[in-house]
mmCIF file of all heavy atoms, coordinates in Angstrom:
data_MODEL
# 
_entry.id   MODEL 
# 
loop_
_atom_site.group_PDB 
_atom_site.id 
_atom_site.type_symbol 
_atom_site.label_atom_id 
_atom_site.label_alt_id 
_atom_site.label_comp_id 
_atom_site.label_asym_id 
_atom_site.label_entity_id 
_atom_site.label_seq_id 
_atom_site.pdbx_PDB_ins_code 
_atom_site.Cartn_x 
_atom_site.Cartn_y 
_atom_site.Cartn_z 
_atom_site.occupancy 
_atom_site.B_iso_or_equiv 
_atom_site.pdbx_formal_charge 
_atom_site.auth_seq_id 
_atom_site.auth_comp_id 
_atom_site.auth_asym_id 
_atom_site.auth_atom_id 
_atom_site.pdbx_PDB_model_num 
ATOM 1   N N   . ALA A 1 1  ? 5.064  -0.467 12.364  1.00 0.00 ? 1  ALA A N   1 
ATOM 2   C CA  . ALA A 1 1  ? 3.819  0.178  12.792  1.00 0.00 ? 1  ALA A CA  1 
ATOM 3   C C   . ALA A 1 1  ? 3.486  -0.206 14.231  1.00 0.00 ? 1  ALA A C   1 
ATOM 4   O O   . ALA A 1 1  ? 3.816  -1.298 14.699  1.00 0.00 ? 1  ALA A O   1 
ATOM 5   C CB  . ALA A 1 1  ? 2.668  -0.225 11.865  1.00 0.00 ? 1  ALA A CB  1 
ATOM 6   N N   . ALA A 1 2  ? 2.834  0.725  14.910  1.00 0.00 ? 2  ALA A N   1 
ATOM 7   C CA  . ALA A 1 2  ? 2.361  0.449  16.270  1.00 0.00 ? 2  ALA A CA  1 
ATOM 8   C C   . ALA A 1 2  ? 1.202  -0.543 16.214  1.00 0.00 ? 2  ALA A C   1 
ATOM 9   O O   . ALA A 1 2  ? 0.581  -0.739 15.160  1.00 0.00 ? 2  ALA A O   1 
ATOM 10  C CB  . ALA A 1 2  ? 1.928  1.746  16.948  1.00 0.00 ? 2  ALA A CB  1 
ATOM 11  N N   . ASP A 1 3  ? 0.915  -1.166 17.351  1.00 0.00 ? 3  ASP A N   1 
ATOM 12  C CA  . ASP A 1 3  ? -0.155 -2.165 17.384  1.00 0.00 ? 3  ASP A CA  1 
ATOM 13  C C   . ASP A 1 3  ? -1.488 -1.578 16.936  1.00 0.00 ? 3  ASP A C   1 
ATOM 14  O O   . ASP A 1 3  ? -2.282 -2.252 16.260  1.00 0.00 ? 3  ASP A O   1 
ATOM 15  C CB  . ASP A 1 3  ? -0.289 -2.738 18.790  1.00 0.00 ? 3  ASP A CB  1 
ATOM 16  C CG  . ASP A 1 3  ? 0.919  -3.589 19.181  1.00 0.00 ? 3  ASP A CG  1 
ATOM 17  O OD1 . ASP A 1 3  ? 1.733  -3.886 18.294  1.00 0.00 ? 3  ASP A OD1 1 
ATOM 18  O OD2 . ASP A 1 3  ? 1.029  -3.945 20.383  1.00 0.00 ? 3  ASP A OD2 1 
ATOM 19  N N   . ALA A 1 4  ? -1.729 -0.313 17.302  1.00 0.00 ? 4  ALA A N   1 
ATOM 20  C CA  . ALA A 1 4  ? -3.000 0.311  16.928  1.00 0.00 ? 4  ALA A CA  1 
ATOM 21  C C   . ALA A 1 4  ? -3.108 0.556  15.431  1.00 0.00 ? 4  ALA A C   1 
ATOM 22  O O   . ALA A 1 4  ? -4.207 0.742  14.899  1.00 0.00 ? 4  ALA A O   1 
ATOM 23  C CB  . ALA A 1 4  ? -3.164 1.635  17.682  1.00 0.00 ? 4  ALA A CB  1 
ATOM 24  N N   . ASP A 1 5  ? -1.970 0.586  14.734  1.00 0.00 ? 5  ASP A N   1 
ATOM 25  C CA  . ASP A 1 5  ? -1.963 0.850  13.292  1.00 0.00 ? 5  ASP A CA  1 
ATOM 26  C C   . ASP A 1 5  ? -1.952 -0.423 12.456  1.00 0.00 ? 5  ASP A C   1 
ATOM 27  O O   . ASP A 1 5  ? -1.882 -0.357 11.224  1.00 0.00 ? 5  ASP A O   1 
ATOM 28  C CB  . ASP A 1 5  ? -0.735 1.693  12.923  1.00 0.00 ? 5  ASP A CB  1 
ATOM 29  C CG  . ASP A 1 5  ? -0.775 3.077  13.544  1.00 0.00 ? 5  ASP A CG  1 
ATOM 30  O OD1 . ASP A 1 5  ? -1.893 3.590  13.716  1.00 0.00 ? 5  ASP A OD1 1 
ATOM 31  O OD2 . ASP A 1 5  ? 0.298  3.624  13.863  1.00 0.00 ? 5  ASP A OD2 1 
ATOM 32  N N   . LEU A 1 6  ? -2.014 -1.573 13.092  1.00 0.00 ? 6  LEU A N   1 
ATOM 33  C CA  . LEU A 1 6  ? -2.053 -2.843 12.356  1.00 0.00 ? 6  LEU A CA  1 
ATOM 34  C C   . LEU A 1 6  ? -3.483 -3.104 11.906  1.00 0.00 ? 6  LEU A C   1 
ATOM 35  O O   . LEU A 1 6  ? -4.200 -3.957 12.456  1.00 0.00 ? 6  LEU A O   1 
ATOM 36  C CB  . LEU A 1 6  ? -1.528 -3.982 13.228  1.00 0.00 ? 6  LEU A CB  1 
ATOM 37  C CG  . LEU A 1 6  ? -0.046 -3.921 13.597  1.00 0.00 ? 6  LEU A CG  1 
ATOM 38  C CD1 . LEU A 1 6  ? 0.322  -5.059 14.536  1.00 0.00 ? 6  LEU A CD1 1 
ATOM 39  C CD2 . LEU A 1 6  ? 0.820  -3.973 12.335  1.00 0.00 ? 6  LEU A CD2 1 
ATOM 40  N N   . THR A 1 7  ? -3.929 -2.362 10.926  1.00 0.00 ? 7  THR A N   1 
ATOM 41  C CA  . THR A 1 7  ? -5.284 -2.496 10.387  1.00 0.00 ? 7  THR A CA  1 
ATOM 42  C C   . THR A 1 7  ? -5.205 -2.836 8.901   1.00 0.00 ? 7  THR A C   1 
ATOM 43  O O   . THR A 1 7  ? -4.197 -2.582 8.235   1.00 0.00 ? 7  THR A O   1 
ATOM 44  C CB  . THR A 1 7  ? -6.075 -1.198 10.567  1.00 0.00 ? 7  THR A CB  1 
ATOM 45  O OG1 . THR A 1 7  ? -5.455 -0.147 9.798   1.00 0.00 ? 7  THR A OG1 1 
ATOM 46  C CG2 . THR A 1 7  ? -6.116 -0.790 12.033  1.00 0.00 ? 7  THR A CG2 1 
ATOM 47  N N   . TYR A 1 8  ? -6.280 -3.401 8.391   1.00 0.00 ? 8  TYR A N   1 
ATOM 48  C CA  . TYR A 1 8  ? -6.318 -3.782 6.979   1.00 0.00 ? 8  TYR A CA  1 
ATOM 49  C C   . TYR A 1 8  ? -6.182 -2.560 6.080   1.00 0.00 ? 8  TYR A C   1 
ATOM 50  O O   . TYR A 1 8  ? -5.560 -2.629 5.014   1.00 0.00 ? 8  TYR A O   1 
ATOM 51  C CB  . TYR A 1 8  ? -7.621 -4.524 6.698   1.00 0.00 ? 8  TYR A CB  1 
ATOM 52  C CG  . TYR A 1 8  ? -7.669 -5.171 5.338   1.00 0.00 ? 8  TYR A CG  1 
ATOM 53  C CD1 . TYR A 1 8  ? -6.541 -5.762 4.779   1.00 0.00 ? 8  TYR A CD1 1 
ATOM 54  C CD2 . TYR A 1 8  ? -8.857 -5.208 4.616   1.00 0.00 ? 8  TYR A CD2 1 
ATOM 55  C CE1 . TYR A 1 8  ? -6.585 -6.368 3.540   1.00 0.00 ? 8  TYR A CE1 1 
ATOM 56  C CE2 . TYR A 1 8  ? -8.917 -5.816 3.378   1.00 0.00 ? 8  TYR A CE2 1 
ATOM 57  C CZ  . TYR A 1 8  ? -7.775 -6.388 2.837   1.00 0.00 ? 8  TYR A CZ  1 
ATOM 58  O OH  . TYR A 1 8  ? -7.824 -6.984 1.593   1.00 0.00 ? 8  TYR A OH  1 
ATOM 59  N N   . ASP A 1 9  ? -6.739 -1.442 6.508   1.00 0.00 ? 9  ASP A N   1 
ATOM 60  C CA  . ASP A 1 9  ? -6.643 -0.196 5.742   1.00 0.00 ? 9  ASP A CA  1 
ATOM 61  C C   . ASP A 1 9  ? -5.190 0.231  5.581   1.00 0.00 ? 9  ASP A C   1 
ATOM 62  O O   . ASP A 1 9  ? -4.754 0.621  4.486   1.00 0.00 ? 9  ASP A O   1 
ATOM 63  C CB  . ASP A 1 9  ? -7.455 0.895  6.439   1.00 0.00 ? 9  ASP A CB  1 
ATOM 64  C CG  . ASP A 1 9  ? -7.555 2.153  5.593   1.00 0.00 ? 9  ASP A CG  1 
ATOM 65  O OD1 . ASP A 1 9  ? -7.270 2.083  4.384   1.00 0.00 ? 9  ASP A OD1 1 
ATOM 66  O OD2 . ASP A 1 9  ? -7.919 3.206  6.136   1.00 0.00 ? 9  ASP A OD2 1 
ATOM 67  N N   . ASN A 1 10 ? -4.419 0.163  6.640   1.00 0.00 ? 10 ASN A N   1 
ATOM 68  C CA  . ASN A 1 10 ? -3.014 0.577  6.568   1.00 0.00 ? 10 ASN A CA  1 
ATOM 69  C C   . ASN A 1 10 ? -2.172 -0.398 5.738   1.00 0.00 ? 10 ASN A C   1 
ATOM 70  O O   . ASN A 1 10 ? -1.265 0.020  5.008   1.00 0.00 ? 10 ASN A O   1 
ATOM 71  C CB  . ASN A 1 10 ? -2.431 0.703  7.978   1.00 0.00 ? 10 ASN A CB  1 
ATOM 72  C CG  . ASN A 1 10 ? -2.963 1.908  8.718   1.00 0.00 ? 10 ASN A CG  1 
ATOM 73  O OD1 . ASN A 1 10 ? -3.366 2.889  8.108   1.00 0.00 ? 10 ASN A OD1 1 
ATOM 74  N ND2 . ASN A 1 10 ? -2.986 1.841  10.038  1.00 0.00 ? 10 ASN A ND2 1 
ATOM 75  N N   . PHE A 1 11 ? -2.475 -1.672 5.850   1.00 0.00 ? 11 PHE A N   1 
ATOM 76  C CA  . PHE A 1 11 ? -1.765 -2.643 5.003   1.00 0.00 ? 11 PHE A CA  1 
ATOM 77  C C   . PHE A 1 11 ? -2.071 -2.386 3.529   1.00 0.00 ? 11 PHE A C   1 
ATOM 78  O O   . PHE A 1 11 ? -1.180 -2.427 2.671   1.00 0.00 ? 11 PHE A O   1 
ATOM 79  C CB  . PHE A 1 11 ? -2.165 -4.071 5.381   1.00 0.00 ? 11 PHE A CB  1 
ATOM 80  C CG  . PHE A 1 11 ? -1.434 -4.613 6.566   1.00 0.00 ? 11 PHE A CG  1 
ATOM 81  C CD1 . PHE A 1 11 ? -2.056 -4.712 7.805   1.00 0.00 ? 11 PHE A CD1 1 
ATOM 82  C CD2 . PHE A 1 11 ? -0.115 -5.043 6.459   1.00 0.00 ? 11 PHE A CD2 1 
ATOM 83  C CE1 . PHE A 1 11 ? -1.388 -5.225 8.910   1.00 0.00 ? 11 PHE A CE1 1 
ATOM 84  C CE2 . PHE A 1 11 ? 0.569  -5.548 7.551   1.00 0.00 ? 11 PHE A CE2 1 
ATOM 85  C CZ  . PHE A 1 11 ? -0.068 -5.641 8.785   1.00 0.00 ? 11 PHE A CZ  1 
ATOM 86  N N   . GLY A 1 12 ? -3.332 -2.106 3.235   1.00 0.00 ? 12 GLY A N   1 
ATOM 87  C CA  . GLY A 1 12 ? -3.704 -1.821 1.849   1.00 0.00 ? 12 GLY A CA  1 
ATOM 88  C C   . GLY A 1 12 ? -3.060 -0.555 1.324   1.00 0.00 ? 12 GLY A C   1 
ATOM 89  O O   . GLY A 1 12 ? -2.626 -0.501 0.164   1.00 0.00 ? 12 GLY A O   1 
ATOM 90  N N   . ALA A 1 13 ? -2.977 0.479  2.169   1.00 0.00 ? 13 ALA A N   1 
ATOM 91  C CA  . ALA A 1 13 ? -2.347 1.736  1.742   1.00 0.00 ? 13 ALA A CA  1 
ATOM 92  C C   . ALA A 1 13 ? -0.865 1.544  1.476   1.00 0.00 ? 13 ALA A C   1 
ATOM 93  O O   . ALA A 1 13 ? -0.307 2.096  0.511   1.00 0.00 ? 13 ALA A O   1 
ATOM 94  C CB  . ALA A 1 13 ? -2.569 2.804  2.810   1.00 0.00 ? 13 ALA A CB  1 
ATOM 95  N N   . ALA A 1 14 ? -0.197 0.761  2.337   1.00 0.00 ? 14 ALA A N   1 
ATOM 96  C CA  . ALA A 1 14 ? 1.237  0.523  2.155   1.00 0.00 ? 14 ALA A CA  1 
ATOM 97  C C   . ALA A 1 14 ? 1.509  -0.244 0.871   1.00 0.00 ? 14 ALA A C   1 
ATOM 98  O O   . ALA A 1 14 ? 2.467  0.036  0.141   1.00 0.00 ? 14 ALA A O   1 
ATOM 99  C CB  . ALA A 1 14 ? 1.797  -0.235 3.356   1.00 0.00 ? 14 ALA A CB  1 
ATOM 100 N N   . ILE A 1 15 ? 0.658  -1.214 0.552   1.00 0.00 ? 15 ILE A N   1 
ATOM 101 C CA  . ILE A 1 15 ? 0.840  -2.008 -0.659  1.00 0.00 ? 15 ILE A CA  1 
ATOM 102 C C   . ILE A 1 15 ? 0.454  -1.201 -1.899  1.00 0.00 ? 15 ILE A C   1 
ATOM 103 O O   . ILE A 1 15 ? 1.049  -1.353 -2.967  1.00 0.00 ? 15 ILE A O   1 
ATOM 104 C CB  . ILE A 1 15 ? 0.011  -3.302 -0.567  1.00 0.00 ? 15 ILE A CB  1 
ATOM 105 C CG1 . ILE A 1 15 ? 0.520  -4.167 0.580   1.00 0.00 ? 15 ILE A CG1 1 
ATOM 106 C CG2 . ILE A 1 15 ? 0.060  -4.086 -1.870  1.00 0.00 ? 15 ILE A CG2 1 
ATOM 107 C CD1 . ILE A 1 15 ? -0.342 -5.380 0.861   1.00 0.00 ? 15 ILE A CD1 1 
ATOM 108 N N   . GLY A 1 16 ? -0.538 -0.330 -1.755  1.00 0.00 ? 16 GLY A N   1 
ATOM 109 C CA  . GLY A 1 16 ? -1.027 0.411  -2.909  1.00 0.00 ? 16 GLY A CA  1 
ATOM 110 C C   . GLY A 1 16 ? -0.047 1.428  -3.459  1.00 0.00 ? 16 GLY A C   1 
ATOM 111 O O   . GLY A 1 16 ? -0.079 1.745  -4.655  1.00 0.00 ? 16 GLY A O   1 
ATOM 112 N N   . PHE A 1 17 ? 0.851  1.948  -2.611  1.00 0.00 ? 17 PHE A N   1 
ATOM 113 C CA  . PHE A 1 17 ? 1.776  2.988  -3.081  1.00 0.00 ? 17 PHE A CA  1 
ATOM 114 C C   . PHE A 1 17 ? 2.689  2.498  -4.201  1.00 0.00 ? 17 PHE A C   1 
ATOM 115 O O   . PHE A 1 17 ? 2.784  3.142  -5.248  1.00 0.00 ? 17 PHE A O   1 
ATOM 116 C CB  . PHE A 1 17 ? 2.605  3.532  -1.915  1.00 0.00 ? 17 PHE A CB  1 
ATOM 117 C CG  . PHE A 1 17 ? 3.573  4.603  -2.325  1.00 0.00 ? 17 PHE A CG  1 
ATOM 118 C CD1 . PHE A 1 17 ? 3.132  5.879  -2.621  1.00 0.00 ? 17 PHE A CD1 1 
ATOM 119 C CD2 . PHE A 1 17 ? 4.926  4.330  -2.430  1.00 0.00 ? 17 PHE A CD2 1 
ATOM 120 C CE1 . PHE A 1 17 ? 4.021  6.877  -3.015  1.00 0.00 ? 17 PHE A CE1 1 
ATOM 121 C CE2 . PHE A 1 17 ? 5.825  5.309  -2.822  1.00 0.00 ? 17 PHE A CE2 1 
ATOM 122 C CZ  . PHE A 1 17 ? 5.368  6.589  -3.111  1.00 0.00 ? 17 PHE A CZ  1 
ATOM 123 N N   . PRO A 1 18 ? 3.376  1.343  -4.070  1.00 0.00 ? 18 PRO A N   1 
ATOM 124 C CA  . PRO A 1 18 ? 4.200  0.891  -5.202  1.00 0.00 ? 18 PRO A CA  1 
ATOM 125 C C   . PRO A 1 18 ? 3.374  0.522  -6.427  1.00 0.00 ? 18 PRO A C   1 
ATOM 126 O O   . PRO A 1 18 ? 3.872  0.605  -7.557  1.00 0.00 ? 18 PRO A O   1 
ATOM 127 C CB  . PRO A 1 18 ? 4.946  -0.325 -4.636  1.00 0.00 ? 18 PRO A CB  1 
ATOM 128 C CG  . PRO A 1 18 ? 4.166  -0.757 -3.454  1.00 0.00 ? 18 PRO A CG  1 
ATOM 129 C CD  . PRO A 1 18 ? 3.555  0.481  -2.893  1.00 0.00 ? 18 PRO A CD  1 
ATOM 130 N N   . MET A 1 19 ? 2.112  0.116  -6.223  1.00 0.00 ? 19 MET A N   1 
ATOM 131 C CA  . MET A 1 19 ? 1.265  -0.217 -7.359  1.00 0.00 ? 19 MET A CA  1 
ATOM 132 C C   . MET A 1 19 ? 1.033  0.993  -8.255  1.00 0.00 ? 19 MET A C   1 
ATOM 133 O O   . MET A 1 19 ? 0.975  0.885  -9.485  1.00 0.00 ? 19 MET A O   1 
ATOM 134 C CB  . MET A 1 19 ? -0.086 -0.753 -6.874  1.00 0.00 ? 19 MET A CB  1 
ATOM 135 C CG  . MET A 1 19 ? -0.011 -2.026 -6.076  1.00 0.00 ? 19 MET A CG  1 
ATOM 136 S SD  . MET A 1 19 ? 0.506  -3.423 -7.073  1.00 0.00 ? 19 MET A SD  1 
ATOM 137 C CE  . MET A 1 19 ? 0.559  -4.705 -5.832  1.00 0.00 ? 19 MET A CE  1 
ATOM 138 N N   . VAL A 1 20 ? 0.884  2.166  -7.627  1.00 0.00 ? 20 VAL A N   1 
ATOM 139 C CA  . VAL A 1 20 ? 0.629  3.393  -8.388  1.00 0.00 ? 20 VAL A CA  1 
ATOM 140 C C   . VAL A 1 20 ? 1.814  3.735  -9.282  1.00 0.00 ? 20 VAL A C   1 
ATOM 141 O O   . VAL A 1 20 ? 1.662  4.404  -10.308 1.00 0.00 ? 20 VAL A O   1 
ATOM 142 C CB  . VAL A 1 20 ? 0.310  4.551  -7.417  1.00 0.00 ? 20 VAL A CB  1 
ATOM 143 C CG1 . VAL A 1 20 ? 0.158  5.863  -8.159  1.00 0.00 ? 20 VAL A CG1 1 
ATOM 144 C CG2 . VAL A 1 20 ? -0.957 4.246  -6.634  1.00 0.00 ? 20 VAL A CG2 1 
ATOM 145 N N   . ILE A 1 21 ? 3.001  3.268  -8.923  1.00 0.00 ? 21 ILE A N   1 
ATOM 146 C CA  . ILE A 1 21 ? 4.203  3.545  -9.715  1.00 0.00 ? 21 ILE A CA  1 
ATOM 147 C C   . ILE A 1 21 ? 4.430  2.472  -10.765 1.00 0.00 ? 21 ILE A C   1 
ATOM 148 O O   . ILE A 1 21 ? 4.687  2.769  -11.939 1.00 0.00 ? 21 ILE A O   1 
ATOM 149 C CB  . ILE A 1 21 ? 5.433  3.664  -8.794  1.00 0.00 ? 21 ILE A CB  1 
ATOM 150 C CG1 . ILE A 1 21 ? 5.235  4.799  -7.788  1.00 0.00 ? 21 ILE A CG1 1 
ATOM 151 C CG2 . ILE A 1 21 ? 6.699  3.888  -9.617  1.00 0.00 ? 21 ILE A CG2 1 
ATOM 152 C CD1 . ILE A 1 21 ? 6.348  4.905  -6.768  1.00 0.00 ? 21 ILE A CD1 1 
ATOM 153 N N   . ILE A 1 22 ? 4.316  1.206  -10.373 1.00 0.00 ? 22 ILE A N   1 
ATOM 154 C CA  . ILE A 1 22 ? 4.707  0.111  -11.261 1.00 0.00 ? 22 ILE A CA  1 
ATOM 155 C C   . ILE A 1 22 ? 3.669  -0.142 -12.348 1.00 0.00 ? 22 ILE A C   1 
ATOM 156 O O   . ILE A 1 22 ? 4.012  -0.278 -13.535 1.00 0.00 ? 22 ILE A O   1 
ATOM 157 C CB  . ILE A 1 22 ? 4.941  -1.171 -10.448 1.00 0.00 ? 22 ILE A CB  1 
ATOM 158 C CG1 . ILE A 1 22 ? 6.101  -0.973 -9.470  1.00 0.00 ? 22 ILE A CG1 1 
ATOM 159 C CG2 . ILE A 1 22 ? 5.235  -2.351 -11.368 1.00 0.00 ? 22 ILE A CG2 1 
ATOM 160 C CD1 . ILE A 1 22 ? 6.295  -2.125 -8.521  1.00 0.00 ? 22 ILE A CD1 1 
ATOM 161 N N   . LEU A 1 23 ? 2.390  -0.191 -11.992 1.00 0.00 ? 23 LEU A N   1 
ATOM 162 C CA  . LEU A 1 23 ? 1.363  -0.557 -12.966 1.00 0.00 ? 23 LEU A CA  1 
ATOM 163 C C   . LEU A 1 23 ? 1.288  0.414  -14.142 1.00 0.00 ? 23 LEU A C   1 
ATOM 164 O O   . LEU A 1 23 ? 1.186  -0.035 -15.297 1.00 0.00 ? 23 LEU A O   1 
ATOM 165 C CB  . LEU A 1 23 ? 0.011  -0.685 -12.266 1.00 0.00 ? 23 LEU A CB  1 
ATOM 166 C CG  . LEU A 1 23 ? -0.133 -1.879 -11.320 1.00 0.00 ? 23 LEU A CG  1 
ATOM 167 C CD1 . LEU A 1 23 ? -1.485 -1.862 -10.632 1.00 0.00 ? 23 LEU A CD1 1 
ATOM 168 C CD2 . LEU A 1 23 ? 0.052  -3.182 -12.076 1.00 0.00 ? 23 LEU A CD2 1 
ATOM 169 N N   . PRO A 1 24 ? 1.327  1.744  -13.927 1.00 0.00 ? 24 PRO A N   1 
ATOM 170 C CA  . PRO A 1 24 ? 1.331  2.634  -15.102 1.00 0.00 ? 24 PRO A CA  1 
ATOM 171 C C   . PRO A 1 24 ? 2.543  2.440  -15.999 1.00 0.00 ? 24 PRO A C   1 
ATOM 172 O O   . PRO A 1 24 ? 2.445  2.600  -17.225 1.00 0.00 ? 24 PRO A O   1 
ATOM 173 C CB  . PRO A 1 24 ? 1.316  4.034  -14.466 1.00 0.00 ? 24 PRO A CB  1 
ATOM 174 C CG  . PRO A 1 24 ? 0.688  3.844  -13.139 1.00 0.00 ? 24 PRO A CG  1 
ATOM 175 C CD  . PRO A 1 24 ? 1.172  2.509  -12.679 1.00 0.00 ? 24 PRO A CD  1 
ATOM 176 N N   . ILE A 1 25 ? 3.702  2.114  -15.412 1.00 0.00 ? 25 ILE A N   1 
ATOM 177 C CA  . ILE A 1 25 ? 4.895  1.866  -16.234 1.00 0.00 ? 25 ILE A CA  1 
ATOM 178 C C   . ILE A 1 25 ? 4.679  0.626  -17.101 1.00 0.00 ? 25 ILE A C   1 
ATOM 179 O O   . ILE A 1 25 ? 5.054  0.603  -18.291 1.00 0.00 ? 25 ILE A O   1 
ATOM 180 C CB  . ILE A 1 25 ? 6.130  1.705  -15.341 1.00 0.00 ? 25 ILE A CB  1 
ATOM 181 C CG1 . ILE A 1 25 ? 6.458  3.032  -14.649 1.00 0.00 ? 25 ILE A CG1 1 
ATOM 182 C CG2 . ILE A 1 25 ? 7.334  1.238  -16.155 1.00 0.00 ? 25 ILE A CG2 1 
ATOM 183 C CD1 . ILE A 1 25 ? 7.630  2.952  -13.691 1.00 0.00 ? 25 ILE A CD1 1 
ATOM 184 N N   . ILE A 1 26 ? 4.070  -0.416 -16.535 1.00 0.00 ? 26 ILE A N   1 
ATOM 185 C CA  . ILE A 1 26 ? 3.777  -1.622 -17.309 1.00 0.00 ? 26 ILE A CA  1 
ATOM 186 C C   . ILE A 1 26 ? 2.848  -1.291 -18.474 1.00 0.00 ? 26 ILE A C   1 
ATOM 187 O O   . ILE A 1 26 ? 3.053  -1.740 -19.608 1.00 0.00 ? 26 ILE A O   1 
ATOM 188 C CB  . ILE A 1 26 ? 3.157  -2.692 -16.402 1.00 0.00 ? 26 ILE A CB  1 
ATOM 189 C CG1 . ILE A 1 26 ? 4.182  -3.193 -15.377 1.00 0.00 ? 26 ILE A CG1 1 
ATOM 190 C CG2 . ILE A 1 26 ? 2.619  -3.864 -17.219 1.00 0.00 ? 26 ILE A CG2 1 
ATOM 191 C CD1 . ILE A 1 26 ? 3.620  -4.152 -14.356 1.00 0.00 ? 26 ILE A CD1 1 
ATOM 192 N N   . ALA A 1 27 ? 1.803  -0.491 -18.195 1.00 0.00 ? 27 ALA A N   1 
ATOM 193 C CA  . ALA A 1 27 ? 0.869  -0.112 -19.260 1.00 0.00 ? 27 ALA A CA  1 
ATOM 194 C C   . ALA A 1 27 ? 1.560  0.731  -20.322 1.00 0.00 ? 27 ALA A C   1 
ATOM 195 O O   . ALA A 1 27 ? 1.296  0.581  -21.522 1.00 0.00 ? 27 ALA A O   1 
ATOM 196 C CB  . ALA A 1 27 ? -0.307 0.653  -18.657 1.00 0.00 ? 27 ALA A CB  1 
# 
């Protein structure tokens, strides 16, 4: 990511994508 994109929102979005896949499979 570019320096301007190093924000908490972008880090959260990047981490949230695999969560949407893995957590429902666990359930």
